[in-house]
Protein backbone atom coordinates (compact mmCIF):
# COMPACT_ATOMS: atom_id res chain seq x y z
CA MET A 1 17.09 -15.31 -0.38
CA HIS A 2 13.55 -13.98 -0.88
CA ALA A 3 12.24 -13.27 -4.36
CA ALA A 4 11.42 -9.67 -5.20
CA ALA A 5 7.88 -8.46 -4.64
CA ILE A 6 8.81 -5.13 -6.24
CA GLU A 7 11.84 -4.21 -8.30
CA ALA A 8 12.51 -0.67 -9.57
CA VAL A 9 15.52 0.03 -11.80
CA GLU A 10 16.33 3.66 -12.70
CA VAL A 11 12.63 4.55 -12.64
CA THR A 12 11.70 8.07 -13.65
CA ARG A 13 8.36 9.89 -13.83
CA SER A 14 7.92 13.23 -15.53
CA TYR A 15 4.79 15.33 -16.01
CA ARG A 16 4.12 17.94 -18.67
CA PHE A 17 2.33 21.14 -17.76
CA GLY A 18 2.12 23.22 -20.93
CA ASP A 19 5.69 24.01 -21.92
CA THR A 20 7.06 22.90 -18.54
CA THR A 21 8.30 19.43 -17.58
CA VAL A 22 8.35 18.45 -13.91
CA ASP A 23 10.59 15.53 -12.97
CA ALA A 24 8.87 13.94 -9.97
CA LEU A 25 11.23 10.92 -9.95
CA ARG A 26 14.71 11.14 -11.43
CA GLY A 27 16.05 7.58 -11.41
CA VAL A 28 14.95 5.47 -8.45
CA THR A 29 16.40 2.01 -7.92
CA PHE A 30 15.50 -0.37 -5.11
CA THR A 31 14.01 -3.80 -4.46
CA VAL A 32 11.41 -4.91 -1.92
CA ALA A 33 11.65 -8.61 -1.07
CA GLU A 34 8.62 -10.78 -0.42
CA GLY A 35 7.61 -10.48 3.23
CA GLU A 36 9.66 -7.32 3.79
CA TYR A 37 8.46 -4.37 5.87
CA ALA A 38 9.74 -1.06 4.51
CA ALA A 39 8.91 2.62 4.89
CA ILE A 40 9.33 5.22 2.17
CA VAL A 41 9.86 8.51 3.95
CA GLY A 42 10.44 12.06 2.81
CA PRO A 43 9.10 15.62 2.97
CA SER A 44 6.26 16.97 0.85
CA GLY A 45 7.32 17.23 -2.78
CA SER A 46 10.05 14.60 -2.44
CA GLY A 47 8.42 12.20 -4.91
CA LYS A 48 7.26 9.59 -2.40
CA SER A 49 3.57 9.80 -3.39
CA THR A 50 4.48 9.53 -7.08
CA LEU A 51 6.57 6.49 -6.22
CA MET A 52 3.67 4.93 -4.31
CA HIS A 53 1.39 5.37 -7.33
CA LEU A 54 3.93 3.62 -9.51
CA LEU A 55 4.48 0.76 -7.07
CA GLY A 56 0.70 0.30 -6.88
CA CYS A 57 0.44 0.16 -10.69
CA LEU A 58 -1.81 3.22 -10.64
CA ASP A 59 0.59 4.92 -13.04
CA ARG A 60 3.44 3.95 -15.35
CA PRO A 61 7.07 5.13 -15.31
CA THR A 62 8.30 7.55 -17.94
CA SER A 63 11.45 5.42 -18.19
CA GLY A 64 13.24 2.65 -16.35
CA ILE A 65 12.05 -0.83 -15.37
CA LEU A 66 9.38 -1.57 -12.79
CA ARG A 67 8.49 -5.16 -11.96
CA VAL A 68 5.65 -6.03 -9.59
CA GLY A 69 5.21 -9.67 -8.65
CA GLY A 70 7.90 -10.49 -11.22
CA ARG A 71 5.99 -8.85 -14.09
CA ASN A 72 7.32 -5.86 -16.00
CA ILE A 73 4.43 -3.41 -16.03
CA ALA A 74 5.62 -1.99 -19.36
CA ASP A 75 4.57 -5.30 -20.94
CA LEU A 76 1.00 -5.13 -19.60
CA GLY A 77 -2.06 -3.57 -21.16
CA ASP A 78 -4.52 -1.61 -19.05
CA ALA A 79 -6.74 -4.62 -18.36
CA GLU A 80 -3.75 -6.76 -17.37
CA LEU A 81 -2.47 -3.98 -15.13
CA ALA A 82 -5.86 -3.74 -13.40
CA GLU A 83 -5.83 -7.51 -12.88
CA LEU A 84 -2.32 -7.33 -11.41
CA ARG A 85 -3.44 -4.61 -8.98
CA ASN A 86 -6.43 -6.65 -7.89
CA GLU A 87 -4.52 -9.90 -7.38
CA GLU A 88 -1.13 -8.78 -6.07
CA ILE A 89 -1.65 -5.48 -4.23
CA GLY A 90 -3.73 -4.25 -1.31
CA PHE A 91 -4.09 -0.52 -0.69
CA VAL A 92 -4.58 1.39 2.57
CA PHE A 93 -5.18 5.12 2.17
CA GLN A 94 -4.93 8.01 4.63
CA ALA A 95 -8.54 9.01 3.98
CA PHE A 96 -9.82 5.39 4.27
CA GLN A 97 -11.71 5.53 0.91
CA LEU A 98 -14.69 3.57 2.21
CA LEU A 99 -18.18 3.66 0.73
CA PRO A 100 -20.16 5.62 3.36
CA ARG A 101 -23.52 3.94 2.76
CA SER A 102 -22.17 0.39 2.69
CA SER A 103 -21.56 -1.82 5.71
CA ALA A 104 -18.09 -2.82 6.81
CA ILE A 105 -18.53 -6.31 5.38
CA ASP A 106 -19.66 -4.95 2.00
CA ASN A 107 -16.77 -2.50 1.86
CA VAL A 108 -14.28 -5.28 2.56
CA ALA A 109 -15.91 -7.65 0.05
CA LEU A 110 -15.70 -5.13 -2.82
CA PRO A 111 -12.32 -6.25 -4.28
CA LEU A 112 -13.64 -9.83 -4.40
CA LEU A 113 -16.64 -8.68 -6.44
CA TYR A 114 -14.24 -7.53 -9.17
CA ARG A 115 -12.64 -10.98 -9.10
CA GLY A 116 -15.98 -12.66 -9.68
CA VAL A 117 -16.10 -14.40 -6.28
CA LYS A 118 -19.65 -15.56 -5.50
CA GLY A 119 -21.74 -13.65 -2.95
CA SER A 120 -21.75 -16.09 -0.02
CA GLU A 121 -18.05 -16.87 -0.33
CA ARG A 122 -17.32 -13.16 -0.71
CA ARG A 123 -19.09 -12.32 2.54
CA ASP A 124 -17.44 -15.20 4.41
CA MET A 125 -13.98 -14.03 3.32
CA ALA A 126 -14.80 -10.43 4.22
CA ALA A 127 -16.03 -11.47 7.67
CA GLU A 128 -12.80 -13.39 8.32
CA ALA A 129 -10.73 -10.39 7.23
CA LEU A 130 -12.64 -8.14 9.63
CA LYS A 131 -12.14 -10.61 12.46
CA ALA A 132 -8.39 -10.54 11.73
CA VAL A 133 -8.36 -6.80 12.52
CA ASN A 134 -10.57 -7.25 15.62
CA LEU A 135 -13.76 -5.97 14.03
CA GLY A 136 -15.81 -9.14 14.00
CA HIS A 137 -18.44 -7.33 16.08
CA ARG A 138 -18.83 -4.47 13.55
CA LEU A 139 -19.68 -6.35 10.35
CA THR A 140 -22.95 -4.54 9.63
CA HIS A 141 -21.92 -1.07 10.77
CA ARG A 142 -21.41 1.68 8.20
CA PRO A 143 -18.29 3.89 8.23
CA THR A 144 -20.31 6.80 9.64
CA GLN A 145 -21.02 4.65 12.71
CA MET A 146 -17.32 3.97 13.35
CA SER A 147 -14.36 5.83 14.79
CA GLY A 148 -11.44 6.82 12.56
CA GLY A 149 -9.36 3.98 13.92
CA GLU A 150 -12.10 1.46 13.17
CA GLN A 151 -12.52 2.84 9.65
CA GLN A 152 -8.80 2.42 9.01
CA ARG A 153 -8.97 -1.17 10.27
CA VAL A 154 -11.84 -1.79 7.82
CA ALA A 155 -9.58 -0.39 5.10
CA ILE A 156 -6.80 -2.77 6.15
CA ALA A 157 -9.22 -5.71 6.07
CA ARG A 158 -10.31 -4.68 2.57
CA ALA A 159 -6.67 -4.50 1.48
CA LEU A 160 -5.96 -8.01 2.80
CA VAL A 161 -9.16 -9.86 1.88
CA GLY A 162 -7.81 -10.96 -1.49
CA GLN A 163 -4.59 -12.28 0.09
CA PRO A 164 -2.22 -9.97 -1.82
CA ARG A 165 1.54 -10.38 -1.75
CA ILE A 166 2.05 -6.62 -1.33
CA LEU A 167 0.31 -4.12 0.93
CA LEU A 168 0.85 -0.42 0.19
CA ALA A 169 -0.12 1.99 2.97
CA ASP A 170 -0.16 5.72 2.16
CA GLU A 171 0.11 7.75 5.40
CA PRO A 172 -2.00 5.10 7.22
CA THR A 173 -1.90 7.00 10.55
CA GLY A 174 -2.20 10.50 9.09
CA ASN A 175 -5.86 11.03 10.10
CA LEU A 176 -5.65 9.23 13.45
CA ASP A 177 -4.82 10.21 17.01
CA SER A 178 -1.75 8.65 18.60
CA LYS A 179 -3.66 5.78 20.27
CA ASN A 180 -5.49 4.69 17.12
CA GLY A 181 -2.37 5.27 15.04
CA ALA A 182 -0.38 2.94 17.28
CA GLU A 183 -3.10 0.27 17.01
CA VAL A 184 -3.14 0.49 13.20
CA MET A 185 0.66 0.15 13.11
CA ARG A 186 0.51 -2.84 15.45
CA ILE A 187 -2.00 -4.56 13.15
CA LEU A 188 0.10 -3.89 10.05
CA GLU A 189 3.19 -5.26 11.76
CA GLU A 190 1.35 -8.34 13.01
CA LEU A 191 -0.09 -9.08 9.57
CA ASN A 192 3.34 -8.68 8.02
CA SER A 193 4.98 -11.11 10.44
CA ALA A 194 2.10 -13.61 10.57
CA ARG A 195 1.12 -13.70 6.90
CA GLY A 196 4.35 -12.74 5.19
CA VAL A 197 2.75 -9.91 3.24
CA ALA A 198 5.29 -7.36 2.01
CA VAL A 199 4.29 -4.05 3.62
CA VAL A 200 5.44 -0.75 2.11
CA LEU A 201 4.21 2.36 3.85
CA VAL A 202 4.67 5.96 2.78
CA THR A 203 4.99 8.56 5.50
CA HIS A 204 6.50 11.92 6.33
CA ASP A 205 6.59 10.89 10.01
CA ASP A 206 10.03 9.67 11.09
CA GLU A 207 8.55 7.97 14.17
CA VAL A 208 6.18 5.90 12.04
CA ALA A 209 8.96 5.12 9.56
CA GLY A 210 11.24 4.07 12.40
CA ARG A 211 8.95 1.16 13.24
CA ALA A 212 9.68 -0.45 9.86
CA ARG A 213 12.65 -2.76 9.53
CA ARG A 214 13.87 -0.73 6.56
CA GLN A 215 13.66 2.96 5.67
CA VAL A 216 14.00 4.33 2.14
CA ARG A 217 14.39 8.11 2.30
CA VAL A 218 13.39 10.01 -0.84
CA ARG A 219 14.33 13.60 -1.60
CA ASP A 220 14.06 15.59 -4.83
CA GLY A 221 12.95 12.52 -6.78
CA LEU A 222 15.91 10.35 -5.77
CA VAL A 223 16.65 7.76 -3.10
CA GLU A 224 18.78 9.73 -0.67
CA ARG A 225 19.32 6.88 1.81
CA ASP A 226 18.31 3.23 2.12
CA THR A 227 18.99 1.34 5.33
CA ALA A 228 19.05 -1.91 3.33
CA ASP A 229 22.41 -0.74 2.02
CA GLY A 230 23.83 -1.15 5.52
CA ALA A 231 24.96 2.42 6.14
CA ASP A 232 22.16 3.14 8.55
CA ALA A 233 21.10 -0.34 9.63
């Protein structure tokens, strides 16, 4: 049995707006095993983006237990949480989040800079990551010189360059046409199977979610259905 990459137990997240409290998550429980490929799916306002922020250690739960890489994030200070994000988690965003004036290789190398990896080693690792997503010929190109599909592949390379155990992809095909979207999904699936990285993607698209081996459907801040439970497998 695989160890847990992520474990959430009765996780809630509430926000205060003046005298009003909004419960974005109302008690979410599920586990993502190491090497698993899962999709969190749900309509706008369901809580899936809030959940993604929590899983990525970009926010903390209001209550409940959240363990990432076996560590309870409630026990970590801000600096320790930032270190956990950098070492354990790779992020792929819908809007790519690349530095427009930096080359592909420099964009990919950025997470390694925060780890203190030396310049030459950093660039070598970034080049290998770009080759893994079939962009070895675009190392010196800036994002403005690339198609949307190529930019998303740069973002995937950046997410993977530090060899994380968990890759979180937030609407990774949302800004792409069907051809580039299919290519990005193929790369994510290949990296999951070849490297054993746990991939968790958030999407509102049932077709994209259906490519994952597991679907966790969120509605009104709760897990409405989880195919890992066997009911929909």
